[in-house]
Amino acid sequence: MVTLHRRAVLAGAAMLPATIKARAEPETVAFAMIAPLSGPCAREGELQRMGAEMAIDDINAAGGIKALGGAKVRLVQYDAGDTTPATRRKKPRMPPSA
C-alpha cells in the first residue's frame, strides 16, 4: 500500500508551475549574419546567405534547438557593403538579441 506524505504532495505541487512554463511556446532565436549583399562581392554574399538559410531550414525542420525547448531559428541579415569601414559601421547597429 502506498502512503502519501504531506511533504511529497507539497513538493509535487511546487513543481507544477515549472512544468506549465516548460510547455509554453519556445522563443525564436535570431542568428545574425554580416555579408556583402551589395557591391562587387554581392554574389559571394548571396551564396553565404543561401547557405545560412539552408542550415536554418534544416535546424527548424529537425525540431529547432532542443536545448531551448524546440526554439525555432531565424536569420537576421546585415549588408557589409563593399568596404571594411562600411562593415564596421554595421556592427554597432546589431541589437543584442539579434
Protein backbone atom coordinates (compact mmCIF):
# COMPACT_ATOMS: atom_id res chain seq x y z
CA MET A 1 0.00 0.00 0.00
CA VAL A 2 1.32 3.43 -0.93
CA THR A 3 1.12 6.12 1.70
CA LEU A 4 1.09 9.74 0.70
CA HIS A 5 3.08 12.14 2.80
CA ARG A 6 2.29 15.81 3.03
CA ARG A 7 5.85 16.78 2.01
CA ALA A 8 5.64 14.72 -1.17
CA VAL A 9 2.35 16.35 -2.14
CA LEU A 10 3.69 19.84 -1.48
CA ALA A 11 6.86 19.11 -3.47
CA GLY A 12 4.78 17.91 -6.40
CA ALA A 13 2.56 20.98 -6.22
CA ALA A 14 5.63 23.23 -6.18
CA MET A 15 6.87 21.65 -9.43
CA LEU A 16 3.59 22.27 -11.27
CA PRO A 17 4.29 25.90 -12.33
CA ALA A 18 7.72 24.89 -13.69
CA THR A 19 6.11 22.15 -15.76
CA ILE A 20 3.50 24.52 -17.16
CA LYS A 21 6.15 27.12 -18.03
CA ALA A 22 8.31 24.49 -19.75
CA ARG A 23 5.42 23.62 -22.06
CA ALA A 24 4.98 27.21 -23.19
CA GLU A 25 5.76 28.11 -26.79
CA PRO A 26 9.54 28.30 -27.30
CA GLU A 27 11.04 31.61 -28.34
CA THR A 28 12.67 32.31 -31.68
CA VAL A 29 16.45 32.56 -31.72
CA ALA A 30 17.98 35.03 -34.17
CA PHE A 31 21.24 34.25 -35.95
CA ALA A 32 22.90 37.41 -37.29
CA MET A 33 24.94 37.38 -40.47
CA ILE A 34 27.03 40.22 -41.87
CA ALA A 35 27.83 39.54 -45.52
CA PRO A 36 28.37 41.60 -48.66
CA LEU A 37 24.88 41.73 -50.17
CA SER A 38 25.65 44.70 -52.43
CA GLY A 39 28.64 45.90 -54.37
CA PRO A 40 31.18 43.85 -56.33
CA CYS A 41 31.13 40.95 -53.83
CA ALA A 42 27.34 40.60 -53.77
CA ARG A 43 27.41 37.16 -55.44
CA GLU A 44 29.63 35.84 -52.65
CA GLY A 45 27.25 37.27 -50.06
CA GLU A 46 24.24 35.73 -51.78
CA LEU A 47 25.90 32.31 -51.67
CA GLN A 48 26.64 32.79 -47.96
CA ARG A 49 23.04 33.85 -47.33
CA MET A 50 21.65 30.84 -49.20
CA GLY A 51 23.92 28.50 -47.21
CA ALA A 52 22.82 30.07 -43.92
CA GLU A 53 19.15 29.77 -44.90
CA MET A 54 19.63 26.11 -45.82
CA ALA A 55 21.20 25.41 -42.43
CA ILE A 56 18.41 27.26 -40.61
CA ASP A 57 15.77 25.36 -42.58
CA ASP A 58 17.46 22.08 -41.58
CA ILE A 59 17.57 23.10 -37.90
CA ASN A 60 13.91 24.16 -37.89
CA ALA A 61 12.81 21.03 -39.79
CA ALA A 62 14.56 18.87 -37.18
CA GLY A 63 12.52 20.45 -34.40
CA GLY A 64 14.53 23.58 -33.63
CA ILE A 65 17.08 23.91 -30.86
CA LYS A 66 16.21 21.09 -28.50
CA ALA A 67 18.24 22.52 -25.60
CA LEU A 68 15.95 25.58 -25.73
CA GLY A 69 12.73 23.60 -25.84
CA GLY A 70 12.50 23.38 -29.63
CA ALA A 71 13.08 27.08 -30.27
CA LYS A 72 12.99 27.98 -33.95
CA VAL A 73 15.82 29.87 -35.62
CA ARG A 74 15.56 32.90 -37.89
CA LEU A 75 18.21 34.71 -39.91
CA VAL A 76 18.90 38.42 -39.47
CA GLN A 77 20.95 39.80 -42.37
CA TYR A 78 23.15 42.86 -42.49
CA ASP A 79 24.77 44.11 -45.67
CA ALA A 80 28.52 44.52 -45.20
CA GLY A 81 28.77 46.68 -48.30
CA ASP A 82 31.96 46.66 -50.29
CA THR A 83 34.46 48.21 -47.86
CA THR A 84 35.83 47.38 -44.44
CA PRO A 85 34.70 50.69 -42.88
CA ALA A 86 31.16 50.02 -44.09
CA THR A 87 31.25 46.65 -42.34
CA ARG A 88 32.50 48.19 -39.10
CA ARG A 89 29.65 50.70 -39.15
CA LYS A 90 27.06 47.88 -39.36
CA LYS A 91 28.18 46.04 -36.22
CA PRO A 92 27.04 48.63 -33.63
CA ARG A 93 23.54 48.62 -35.17
CA MET A 94 23.01 44.95 -34.41
CA PRO A 95 20.68 44.65 -31.41
CA PRO A 96 21.95 42.40 -28.59
CA SER A 97 19.08 39.97 -29.17
CA ALA A 98 19.72 39.76 -32.92
